[in-house]
Amino acid sequence: MENERPQPEEPKGRWDALRKALREFFYGMTVHELAVETRHARGDLDHLFMLIVFGDLIGLPILPPYYSMRLLPYVLPSIQRWKRSALRERDLTDLARVDI
C-alpha cells in the first residue's frame, strides 16, 4: 500500500492494440463501403432466386413444382424469413437505404 502506482501496460499489448486500431481504421476507410454494398447485392439476388424458385408459396408460380421440390432441402432454413420480407408492405422510403 505504500507505493501503489499503476503498472505500465506491456509494450507488446500496446503495439497489438495500435495495430488493430490502424487496421480497422484503414478497413473502414477503404473496403467497408464495398463490403456493405456486396452484402446488399447478395441479399437482393437471394431474394430474387427465392422468388423465382418458390414464388408459388406466395401465389406467383414461375418454375414447375418439380424443380422447386428438388431445391427445397437446401433453402428450407431461409423460407420463413423470405416469405416475411416478400409479403411485407413497402413504401417509397424503403427504396432509399439509409445506413447509419
PDB file of N, CA and C in Angstrom:
ATOM      1  N   MET A   1       0.789  -1.177   0.000  1.00  0.00           N
ATOM      2  CA  MET A   1       0.000   0.000   0.000  1.00  0.00           C
ATOM      3  C   MET A   1       0.843   1.257   0.000  1.00  0.00           C
ATOM      4  N   GLU A   2       2.066   1.107   0.329  1.00  0.00           N
ATOM      5  CA  GLU A   2       2.926   2.269   0.393  1.00  0.00           C
ATOM      6  C   GLU A   2       3.143   2.882  -0.982  1.00  0.00           C
ATOM      7  N   ASN A   3       3.431   2.047  -1.926  1.00  0.00           N
ATOM      8  CA  ASN A   3       3.830   2.548  -3.236  1.00  0.00           C
ATOM      9  C   ASN A   3       2.915   1.960  -4.309  1.00  0.00           C
ATOM     10  N   GLU A   4       1.649   2.342  -4.348  1.00  0.00           N
ATOM     11  CA  GLU A   4       0.679   1.765  -5.274  1.00  0.00           C
ATOM     12  C   GLU A   4       0.569   2.619  -6.531  1.00  0.00           C
ATOM     13  N   ARG A   5       1.485   2.445  -7.398  1.00  0.00           N
ATOM     14  CA  ARG A   5       1.405   3.112  -8.693  1.00  0.00           C
ATOM     15  C   ARG A   5       0.889   2.109  -9.702  1.00  0.00           C
ATOM     16  N   PRO A   6       0.066   2.536 -10.653  1.00  0.00           N
ATOM     17  CA  PRO A   6      -0.400   1.588 -11.673  1.00  0.00           C
ATOM     18  C   PRO A   6       0.772   1.104 -12.512  1.00  0.00           C
ATOM     19  N   GLN A   7       0.786  -0.183 -12.733  1.00  0.00           N
ATOM     20  CA  GLN A   7       1.840  -0.777 -13.545  1.00  0.00           C
ATOM     21  C   GLN A   7       1.620  -0.420 -15.008  1.00  0.00           C
ATOM     22  N   PRO A   8       2.673  -0.057 -15.720  1.00  0.00           N
ATOM     23  CA  PRO A   8       2.507   0.259 -17.145  1.00  0.00           C
ATOM     24  C   PRO A   8       2.119  -0.998 -17.918  1.00  0.00           C
ATOM     25  N   GLU A   9       1.340  -0.774 -18.990  1.00  0.00           N
ATOM     26  CA  GLU A   9       0.944  -1.907 -19.820  1.00  0.00           C
ATOM     27  C   GLU A   9       2.153  -2.518 -20.503  1.00  0.00           C
ATOM     28  N   GLU A  10       1.964  -3.735 -20.877  1.00  0.00           N
ATOM     29  CA  GLU A  10       3.018  -4.442 -21.588  1.00  0.00           C
ATOM     30  C   GLU A  10       3.191  -3.803 -22.977  1.00  0.00           C
ATOM     31  N   PRO A  11       4.416  -3.521 -23.404  1.00  0.00           N
ATOM     32  CA  PRO A  11       4.616  -2.857 -24.707  1.00  0.00           C
ATOM     33  C   PRO A  11       4.039  -3.656 -25.872  1.00  0.00           C
ATOM     34  N   LYS A  12       4.130  -4.979 -25.805  1.00  0.00           N
ATOM     35  CA  LYS A  12       3.581  -5.796 -26.899  1.00  0.00           C
ATOM     36  C   LYS A  12       2.064  -5.625 -26.989  1.00  0.00           C
ATOM     37  N   GLY A  13       1.385  -5.544 -25.854  1.00  0.00           N
ATOM     38  CA  GLY A  13      -0.059  -5.331 -25.843  1.00  0.00           C
ATOM     39  C   GLY A  13      -0.450  -3.986 -26.429  1.00  0.00           C
ATOM     40  N   ARG A  14       0.351  -2.976 -26.164  1.00  0.00           N
ATOM     41  CA  ARG A  14       0.096  -1.656 -26.747  1.00  0.00           C
ATOM     42  C   ARG A  14       0.243  -1.682 -28.255  1.00  0.00           C
ATOM     43  N   TRP A  15       1.295  -2.357 -28.725  1.00  0.00           N
ATOM     44  CA  TRP A  15       1.515  -2.432 -30.173  1.00  0.00           C
ATOM     45  C   TRP A  15       0.391  -3.214 -30.847  1.00  0.00           C
ATOM     46  N   ASP A  16      -0.068  -4.280 -30.204  1.00  0.00           N
ATOM     47  CA  ASP A  16      -1.180  -5.050 -30.775  1.00  0.00           C
ATOM     48  C   ASP A  16      -2.447  -4.209 -30.850  1.00  0.00           C
ATOM     49  N   ALA A  17      -2.720  -3.435 -29.804  1.00  0.00           N
ATOM     50  CA  ALA A  17      -3.906  -2.576 -29.804  1.00  0.00           C
ATOM     51  C   ALA A  17      -3.794  -1.485 -30.866  1.00  0.00           C
ATOM     52  N   LEU A  18      -2.606  -0.898 -30.999  1.00  0.00           N
ATOM     53  CA  LEU A  18      -2.404   0.125 -32.017  1.00  0.00           C
ATOM     54  C   LEU A  18      -2.547  -0.458 -33.423  1.00  0.00           C
ATOM     55  N   ARG A  19      -1.971  -1.639 -33.624  1.00  0.00           N
ATOM     56  CA  ARG A  19      -2.060  -2.291 -34.937  1.00  0.00           C
ATOM     57  C   ARG A  19      -3.519  -2.617 -35.273  1.00  0.00           C
ATOM     58  N   LYS A  20      -4.273  -3.108 -34.288  1.00  0.00           N
ATOM     59  CA  LYS A  20      -5.684  -3.422 -34.522  1.00  0.00           C
ATOM     60  C   LYS A  20      -6.472  -2.160 -34.849  1.00  0.00           C
ATOM     61  N   ALA A  21      -6.207  -1.074 -34.122  1.00  0.00           N
ATOM     62  CA  ALA A  21      -6.912   0.180 -34.377  1.00  0.00           C
ATOM     63  C   ALA A  21      -6.598   0.710 -35.777  1.00  0.00           C
ATOM     64  N   LEU A  22      -5.352   0.651 -36.180  1.00  0.00           N
ATOM     65  CA  LEU A  22      -4.980   1.108 -37.529  1.00  0.00           C
ATOM     66  C   LEU A  22      -5.598   0.226 -38.606  1.00  0.00           C
ATOM     67  N   ARG A  23      -5.602  -1.079 -38.375  1.00  0.00           N
ATOM     68  CA  ARG A  23      -6.183  -1.996 -39.350  1.00  0.00           C
ATOM     69  C   ARG A  23      -7.673  -1.713 -39.515  1.00  0.00           C
ATOM     70  N   GLU A  24      -8.394  -1.499 -38.419  1.00  0.00           N
ATOM     71  CA  GLU A  24      -9.817  -1.200 -38.505  1.00  0.00           C
ATOM     72  C   GLU A  24     -10.064   0.160 -39.152  1.00  0.00           C
ATOM     73  N   PHE A  25      -9.215   1.118 -38.879  1.00  0.00           N
ATOM     74  CA  PHE A  25      -9.352   2.445 -39.485  1.00  0.00           C
ATOM     75  C   PHE A  25      -9.194   2.361 -41.000  1.00  0.00           C
ATOM     76  N   PHE A  26      -8.139   1.680 -41.465  1.00  0.00           N
ATOM     77  CA  PHE A  26      -7.924   1.584 -42.908  1.00  0.00           C
ATOM     78  C   PHE A  26      -8.979   0.718 -43.586  1.00  0.00           C
ATOM     79  N   TYR A  27      -9.486  -0.302 -42.884  1.00  0.00           N
ATOM     80  CA  TYR A  27     -10.577  -1.107 -43.431  1.00  0.00           C
ATOM     81  C   TYR A  27     -11.807  -0.231 -43.635  1.00  0.00           C
ATOM     82  N   GLY A  28     -12.140   0.557 -42.635  1.00  0.00           N
ATOM     83  CA  GLY A  28     -13.297   1.435 -42.743  1.00  0.00           C
ATOM     84  C   GLY A  28     -13.122   2.495 -43.811  1.00  0.00           C
ATOM     85  N   MET A  29     -11.890   2.920 -44.010  1.00  0.00           N
ATOM     86  CA  MET A  29     -11.617   3.963 -44.995  1.00  0.00           C
ATOM     87  C   MET A  29     -11.639   3.421 -46.427  1.00  0.00           C
ATOM     88  N   THR A  30     -11.287   2.161 -46.616  1.00  0.00           N
ATOM     89  CA  THR A  30     -11.119   1.651 -47.974  1.00  0.00           C
ATOM     90  C   THR A  30     -12.167   0.629 -48.394  1.00  0.00           C
ATOM     91  N   VAL A  31     -12.459  -0.365 -47.579  1.00  0.00           N
ATOM     92  CA  VAL A  31     -13.208  -1.526 -48.033  1.00  0.00           C
ATOM     93  C   VAL A  31     -14.610  -1.625 -47.435  1.00  0.00           C
ATOM     94  N   HIS A  32     -14.896  -0.910 -46.376  1.00  0.00           N
ATOM     95  CA  HIS A  32     -16.167  -1.093 -45.683  1.00  0.00           C
ATOM     96  C   HIS A  32     -17.365  -0.835 -46.583  1.00  0.00           C
ATOM     97  N   GLU A  33     -17.334   0.232 -47.347  1.00  0.00           N
ATOM     98  CA  GLU A  33     -18.466   0.559 -48.229  1.00  0.00           C
ATOM     99  C   GLU A  33     -18.687  -0.550 -49.261  1.00  0.00           C
ATOM    100  N   LEU A  34     -17.608  -1.094 -49.800  1.00  0.00           N
ATOM    101  CA  LEU A  34     -17.727  -2.194 -50.746  1.00  0.00           C
ATOM    102  C   LEU A  34     -18.334  -3.426 -50.085  1.00  0.00           C
ATOM    103  N   ALA A  35     -17.945  -3.718 -48.863  1.00  0.00           N
ATOM    104  CA  ALA A  35     -18.486  -4.880 -48.152  1.00  0.00           C
ATOM    105  C   ALA A  35     -19.980  -4.711 -47.900  1.00  0.00           C
ATOM    106  N   VAL A  36     -20.412  -3.517 -47.534  1.00  0.00           N
ATOM    107  CA  VAL A  36     -21.834  -3.270 -47.285  1.00  0.00           C
ATOM    108  C   VAL A  36     -22.628  -3.403 -48.578  1.00  0.00           C
ATOM    109  N   GLU A  37     -22.146  -2.814 -49.649  1.00  0.00           N
ATOM    110  CA  GLU A  37     -22.840  -2.905 -50.935  1.00  0.00           C
ATOM    111  C   GLU A  37     -22.893  -4.347 -51.436  1.00  0.00           C
ATOM    112  N   THR A  38     -21.829  -5.112 -51.220  1.00  0.00           N
ATOM    113  CA  THR A  38     -21.811  -6.510 -51.632  1.00  0.00           C
ATOM    114  C   THR A  38     -22.846  -7.314 -50.859  1.00  0.00           C
ATOM    115  N   ARG A  39     -22.975  -7.038 -49.545  1.00  0.00           N
ATOM    116  CA  ARG A  39     -23.993  -7.728 -48.748  1.00  0.00           C
ATOM    117  C   ARG A  39     -25.394  -7.401 -49.238  1.00  0.00           C
ATOM    118  N   HIS A  40     -25.644  -6.127 -49.576  1.00  0.00           N
ATOM    119  CA  HIS A  40     -26.956  -5.745 -50.087  1.00  0.00           C
ATOM    120  C   HIS A  40     -27.240  -6.413 -51.430  1.00  0.00           C
ATOM    121  N   ALA A  41     -26.250  -6.458 -52.301  1.00  0.00           N
ATOM    122  CA  ALA A  41     -26.432  -7.100 -53.605  1.00  0.00           C
ATOM    123  C   ALA A  41     -26.699  -8.592 -53.443  1.00  0.00           C
ATOM    124  N   ARG A  42     -25.994  -9.232 -52.527  1.00  0.00           N
ATOM    125  CA  ARG A  42     -26.231 -10.656 -52.298  1.00  0.00           C
ATOM    126  C   ARG A  42     -27.640 -10.893 -51.762  1.00  0.00           C
ATOM    127  N   GLY A  43     -28.090 -10.041 -50.864  1.00  0.00           N
ATOM    128  CA  GLY A  43     -29.451 -10.173 -50.347  1.00  0.00           C
ATOM    129  C   GLY A  43     -30.492 -10.001 -51.438  1.00  0.00           C
ATOM    130  N   ASP A  44     -30.268  -9.036 -52.337  1.00  0.00           N
ATOM    131  CA  ASP A  44     -31.195  -8.833 -53.447  1.00  0.00           C
ATOM    132  C   ASP A  44     -31.225 -10.040 -54.374  1.00  0.00           C
ATOM    133  N   LEU A  45     -30.058 -10.619 -54.658  1.00  0.00           N
ATOM    134  CA  LEU A  45     -30.019 -11.801 -55.520  1.00  0.00           C
ATOM    135  C   LEU A  45     -30.649 -13.016 -54.843  1.00  0.00           C
ATOM    136  N   ASP A  46     -30.442 -13.172 -53.550  1.00  0.00           N
ATOM    137  CA  ASP A  46     -31.088 -14.267 -52.824  1.00  0.00           C
ATOM    138  C   ASP A  46     -32.606 -14.117 -52.852  1.00  0.00           C
ATOM    139  N   HIS A  47     -33.055 -12.879 -52.668  1.00  0.00           N
ATOM    140  CA  HIS A  47     -34.495 -12.621 -52.702  1.00  0.00           C
ATOM    141  C   HIS A  47     -35.068 -12.953 -54.079  1.00  0.00           C
ATOM    142  N   LEU A  48     -34.379 -12.563 -55.131  1.00  0.00           N
ATOM    143  CA  LEU A  48     -34.836 -12.849 -56.491  1.00  0.00           C
ATOM    144  C   LEU A  48     -34.835 -14.348 -56.774  1.00  0.00           C
ATOM    145  N   PHE A  49     -33.805 -15.050 -56.338  1.00  0.00           N
ATOM    146  CA  PHE A  49     -33.739 -16.501 -56.528  1.00  0.00           C
ATOM    147  C   PHE A  49     -34.911 -17.187 -55.846  1.00  0.00           C
ATOM    148  N   MET A  50     -35.170 -16.787 -54.592  1.00  0.00           N
ATOM    149  CA  MET A  50     -36.279 -17.401 -53.863  1.00  0.00           C
ATOM    150  C   MET A  50     -37.611 -17.090 -54.539  1.00  0.00           C
ATOM    151  N   LEU A  51     -37.758 -15.893 -55.078  1.00  0.00           N
ATOM    152  CA  LEU A  51     -38.988 -15.533 -55.761  1.00  0.00           C
ATOM    153  C   LEU A  51     -39.189 -16.377 -57.012  1.00  0.00           C
ATOM    154  N   ILE A  52     -38.134 -16.595 -57.760  1.00  0.00           N
ATOM    155  CA  ILE A  52     -38.246 -17.381 -58.980  1.00  0.00           C
ATOM    156  C   ILE A  52     -38.522 -18.843 -58.664  1.00  0.00           C
ATOM    157  N   VAL A  53     -37.814 -19.396 -57.702  1.00  0.00           N
ATOM    158  CA  VAL A  53     -37.930 -20.819 -57.420  1.00  0.00           C
ATOM    159  C   VAL A  53     -39.169 -21.144 -56.589  1.00  0.00           C
ATOM    160  N   PHE A  54     -39.455 -20.335 -55.562  1.00  0.00           N
ATOM    161  CA  PHE A  54     -40.556 -20.644 -54.650  1.00  0.00           C
ATOM    162  C   PHE A  54     -41.647 -19.589 -54.681  1.00  0.00           C
ATOM    163  N   GLY A  55     -41.850 -18.984 -55.811  1.00  0.00           N
ATOM    164  CA  GLY A  55     -42.893 -17.980 -55.931  1.00  0.00           C
ATOM    165  C   GLY A  55     -44.284 -18.544 -55.729  1.00  0.00           C
ATOM    166  N   ASP A  56     -44.465 -19.840 -55.971  1.00  0.00           N
ATOM    167  CA  ASP A  56     -45.778 -20.439 -55.781  1.00  0.00           C
ATOM    168  C   ASP A  56     -46.204 -20.444 -54.312  1.00  0.00           C
ATOM    169  N   LEU A  57     -45.276 -20.297 -53.381  1.00  0.00           N
ATOM    170  CA  LEU A  57     -45.638 -20.227 -51.965  1.00  0.00           C
ATOM    171  C   LEU A  57     -46.362 -18.931 -51.629  1.00  0.00           C
ATOM    172  N   ILE A  58     -46.138 -17.891 -52.421  1.00  0.00           N
ATOM    173  CA  ILE A  58     -46.836 -16.625 -52.178  1.00  0.00           C
ATOM    174  C   ILE A  58     -47.795 -16.295 -53.324  1.00  0.00           C
ATOM    175  N   GLY A  59     -48.065 -17.280 -54.194  1.00  0.00           N
ATOM    176  CA  GLY A  59     -49.060 -17.086 -55.243  1.00  0.00           C
ATOM    177  C   GLY A  59     -48.514 -16.633 -56.566  1.00  0.00           C
ATOM    178  N   LEU A  60     -47.234 -16.829 -56.833  1.00  0.00           N
ATOM    179  CA  LEU A  60     -46.630 -16.412 -58.089  1.00  0.00           C
ATOM    180  C   LEU A  60     -45.816 -17.577 -58.669  1.00  0.00           C
ATOM    181  N   PRO A  61     -46.489 -18.564 -59.293  1.00  0.00           N
ATOM    182  CA  PRO A  61     -45.743 -19.722 -59.808  1.00  0.00           C
ATOM    183  C   PRO A  61     -44.959 -19.365 -61.073  1.00  0.00           C
ATOM    184  N   ILE A  62     -43.669 -19.639 -61.056  1.00  0.00           N
ATOM    185  CA  ILE A  62     -42.824 -19.361 -62.216  1.00  0.00           C
ATOM    186  C   ILE A  62     -42.202 -20.666 -62.714  1.00  0.00           C
ATOM    187  N   LEU A  63     -41.578 -21.427 -61.822  1.00  0.00           N
ATOM    188  CA  LEU A  63     -40.996 -22.718 -62.182  1.00  0.00           C
ATOM    189  C   LEU A  63     -41.963 -23.850 -61.861  1.00  0.00           C
ATOM    190  N   PRO A  64     -41.880 -24.951 -62.587  1.00  0.00           N
ATOM    191  CA  PRO A  64     -42.701 -26.112 -62.229  1.00  0.00           C
ATOM    192  C   PRO A  64     -42.323 -26.619 -60.828  1.00  0.00           C
ATOM    193  N   PRO A  65     -43.289 -27.153 -60.099  1.00  0.00           N
ATOM    194  CA  PRO A  65     -43.031 -27.578 -58.718  1.00  0.00           C
ATOM    195  C   PRO A  65     -41.960 -28.666 -58.584  1.00  0.00           C
ATOM    196  N   TYR A  66     -41.735 -29.434 -59.637  1.00  0.00           N
ATOM    197  CA  TYR A  66     -40.730 -30.496 -59.552  1.00  0.00           C
ATOM    198  C   TYR A  66     -39.360 -29.924 -59.206  1.00  0.00           C
ATOM    199  N   TYR A  67     -38.950 -28.873 -59.890  1.00  0.00           N
ATOM    200  CA  TYR A  67     -37.639 -28.266 -59.644  1.00  0.00           C
ATOM    201  C   TYR A  67     -37.591 -27.581 -58.286  1.00  0.00           C
ATOM    202  N   SER A  68     -38.705 -26.994 -57.898  1.00  0.00           N
ATOM    203  CA  SER A  68     -38.759 -26.352 -56.587  1.00  0.00           C
ATOM    204  C   SER A  68     -38.567 -27.368 -55.473  1.00  0.00           C
ATOM    205  N   MET A  69     -39.194 -28.517 -55.612  1.00  0.00           N
ATOM    206  CA  MET A  69     -39.086 -29.533 -54.569  1.00  0.00           C
ATOM    207  C   MET A  69     -37.678 -30.137 -54.517  1.00  0.00           C
ATOM    208  N   ARG A  70     -37.003 -30.166 -55.638  1.00  0.00           N
ATOM    209  CA  ARG A  70     -35.624 -30.669 -55.636  1.00  0.00           C
ATOM    210  C   ARG A  70     -34.692 -29.726 -54.877  1.00  0.00           C
ATOM    211  N   LEU A  71     -34.975 -28.435 -54.916  1.00  0.00           N
ATOM    212  CA  LEU A  71     -34.145 -27.446 -54.236  1.00  0.00           C
ATOM    213  C   LEU A  71     -34.587 -27.174 -52.802  1.00  0.00           C
ATOM    214  N   LEU A  72     -35.732 -27.649 -52.418  1.00  0.00           N
ATOM    215  CA  LEU A  72     -36.297 -27.345 -51.110  1.00  0.00           C
ATOM    216  C   LEU A  72     -35.389 -27.680 -49.928  1.00  0.00           C
ATOM    217  N   PRO A  73     -34.727 -28.820 -49.881  1.00  0.00           N
ATOM    218  CA  PRO A  73     -33.877 -29.114 -48.704  1.00  0.00           C
ATOM    219  C   PRO A  73     -32.749 -28.112 -48.499  1.00  0.00           C
ATOM    220  N   TYR A  74     -32.298 -27.475 -49.562  1.00  0.00           N
ATOM    221  CA  TYR A  74     -31.179 -26.547 -49.449  1.00  0.00           C
ATOM    222  C   TYR A  74     -31.594 -25.170 -48.950  1.00  0.00           C
ATOM    223  N   VAL A  75     -32.825 -24.785 -49.205  1.00  0.00           N
ATOM    224  CA  VAL A  75     -33.265 -23.443 -48.837  1.00  0.00           C
ATOM    225  C   VAL A  75     -34.319 -23.438 -47.734  1.00  0.00           C
ATOM    226  N   LEU A  76     -34.618 -24.574 -47.176  1.00  0.00           N
ATOM    227  CA  LEU A  76     -35.643 -24.667 -46.143  1.00  0.00           C
ATOM    228  C   LEU A  76     -35.405 -23.741 -44.952  1.00  0.00           C
ATOM    229  N   PRO A  77     -34.162 -23.586 -44.467  1.00  0.00           N
ATOM    230  CA  PRO A  77     -33.975 -22.692 -43.310  1.00  0.00           C
ATOM    231  C   PRO A  77     -34.316 -21.226 -43.579  1.00  0.00           C
ATOM    232  N   SER A  78     -34.277 -20.787 -44.809  1.00  0.00           N
ATOM    233  CA  SER A  78     -34.493 -19.362 -45.075  1.00  0.00           C
ATOM    234  C   SER A  78     -35.862 -19.052 -45.670  1.00  0.00           C
ATOM    235  N   ILE A  79     -36.747 -20.015 -45.778  1.00  0.00           N
ATOM    236  CA  ILE A  79     -38.045 -19.775 -46.412  1.00  0.00           C
ATOM    237  C   ILE A  79     -38.915 -18.834 -45.585  1.00  0.00           C
ATOM    238  N   GLN A  80     -39.003 -19.042 -44.269  1.00  0.00           N
ATOM    239  CA  GLN A  80     -39.860 -18.190 -43.443  1.00  0.00           C
ATOM    240  C   GLN A  80     -39.411 -16.731 -43.502  1.00  0.00           C
ATOM    241  N   ARG A  81     -38.106 -16.493 -43.415  1.00  0.00           N
ATOM    242  CA  ARG A  81     -37.587 -15.126 -43.474  1.00  0.00           C
ATOM    243  C   ARG A  81     -37.892 -14.494 -44.831  1.00  0.00           C
ATOM    244  N   TRP A  82     -37.763 -15.284 -45.908  1.00  0.00           N
ATOM    245  CA  TRP A  82     -38.036 -14.768 -47.243  1.00  0.00           C
ATOM    246  C   TRP A  82     -39.518 -14.433 -47.413  1.00  0.00           C
ATOM    247  N   LYS A  83     -40.399 -15.319 -46.952  1.00  0.00           N
ATOM    248  CA  LYS A  83     -41.830 -15.057 -47.077  1.00  0.00           C
ATOM    249  C   LYS A  83     -42.228 -13.801 -46.313  1.00  0.00           C
ATOM    250  N   ARG A  84     -41.663 -13.628 -45.141  1.00  0.00           N
ATOM    251  CA  ARG A  84     -41.976 -12.447 -44.341  1.00  0.00           C
ATOM    252  C   ARG A  84     -41.514 -11.177 -45.053  1.00  0.00           C
ATOM    253  N   SER A  85     -40.339 -11.196 -45.661  1.00  0.00           N
ATOM    254  CA  SER A  85     -39.840  -9.999 -46.343  1.00  0.00           C
ATOM    255  C   SER A  85     -40.544  -9.767 -47.675  1.00  0.00           C
ATOM    256  N   ALA A  86     -40.966 -10.842 -48.349  1.00  0.00           N
ATOM    257  CA  ALA A  86     -41.634 -10.681 -49.638  1.00  0.00           C
ATOM    258  C   ALA A  86     -43.050 -10.150 -49.478  1.00  0.00           C
ATOM    259  N   LEU A  87     -43.714 -10.498 -48.402  1.00  0.00           N
ATOM    260  CA  LEU A  87     -45.099 -10.083 -48.208  1.00  0.00           C
ATOM    261  C   LEU A  87     -45.238  -8.836 -47.346  1.00  0.00           C
ATOM    262  N   ARG A  88     -44.133  -8.238 -46.954  1.00  0.00           N
ATOM    263  CA  ARG A  88     -44.153  -7.043 -46.116  1.00  0.00           C
ATOM    264  C   ARG A  88     -44.599  -5.835 -46.944  1.00  0.00           C
ATOM    265  N   GLU A  89     -45.387  -4.959 -46.314  1.00  0.00           N
ATOM    266  CA  GLU A  89     -45.794  -3.731 -47.002  1.00  0.00           C
ATOM    267  C   GLU A  89     -44.589  -2.823 -47.168  1.00  0.00           C
ATOM    268  N   ARG A  90     -44.521  -2.159 -48.307  1.00  0.00           N
ATOM    269  CA  ARG A  90     -43.402  -1.268 -48.581  1.00  0.00           C
ATOM    270  C   ARG A  90     -43.921   0.072 -49.073  1.00  0.00           C
ATOM    271  N   ASP A  91     -43.121   1.094 -48.890  1.00  0.00           N
ATOM    272  CA  ASP A  91     -43.429   2.396 -49.458  1.00  0.00           C
ATOM    273  C   ASP A  91     -42.154   2.967 -50.066  1.00  0.00           C
ATOM    274  N   LEU A  92     -42.201   4.186 -50.525  1.00  0.00           N
ATOM    275  CA  LEU A  92     -41.053   4.769 -51.223  1.00  0.00           C
ATOM    276  C   LEU A  92     -39.832   4.927 -50.330  1.00  0.00           C
ATOM    277  N   THR A  93     -40.048   5.087 -49.035  1.00  0.00           N
ATOM    278  CA  THR A  93     -38.894   5.261 -48.162  1.00  0.00           C
ATOM    279  C   THR A  93     -38.096   3.970 -47.998  1.00  0.00           C
ATOM    280  N   ASP A  94     -38.702   2.820 -48.276  1.00  0.00           N
ATOM    281  CA  ASP A  94     -37.954   1.563 -48.204  1.00  0.00           C
ATOM    282  C   ASP A  94     -36.945   1.434 -49.342  1.00  0.00           C
ATOM    283  N   LEU A  95     -37.202   2.118 -50.436  1.00  0.00           N
ATOM    284  CA  LEU A  95     -36.274   2.050 -51.563  1.00  0.00           C
ATOM    285  C   LEU A  95     -34.983   2.785 -51.290  1.00  0.00           C
ATOM    286  N   ALA A  96     -35.042   3.817 -50.468  1.00  0.00           N
ATOM    287  CA  ALA A  96     -33.845   4.594 -50.121  1.00  0.00           C
ATOM    288  C   ALA A  96     -33.210   3.950 -48.892  1.00  0.00           C
ATOM    289  N   ARG A  97     -32.149   3.217 -49.111  1.00  0.00           N
ATOM    290  CA  ARG A  97     -31.446   2.574 -47.993  1.00  0.00           C
ATOM    291  C   ARG A  97     -30.589   3.595 -47.291  1.00  0.00           C
ATOM    292  N   VAL A  98     -30.812   3.740 -46.030  1.00  0.00           N
ATOM    293  CA  VAL A  98     -30.020   4.671 -45.243  1.00  0.00           C
ATOM    294  C   VAL A  98     -29.276   3.856 -44.208  1.00  0.00           C
ATOM    295  N   ASP A  99     -27.957   3.819 -44.321  1.00  0.00           N
ATOM    296  CA  ASP A  99     -27.123   3.107 -43.360  1.00  0.00           C
ATOM    297  C   ASP A  99     -26.564   4.109 -42.387  1.00  0.00           C
ATOM    298  N   ILE A 100     -26.941   3.943 -41.156  1.00  0.00           N
ATOM    299  CA  ILE A 100     -26.471   4.869 -40.133  1.00  0.00           C
ATOM    300  C   ILE A 100     -25.323   4.229 -39.382  1.00  0.00           C
TER     301      ILE A 100
END
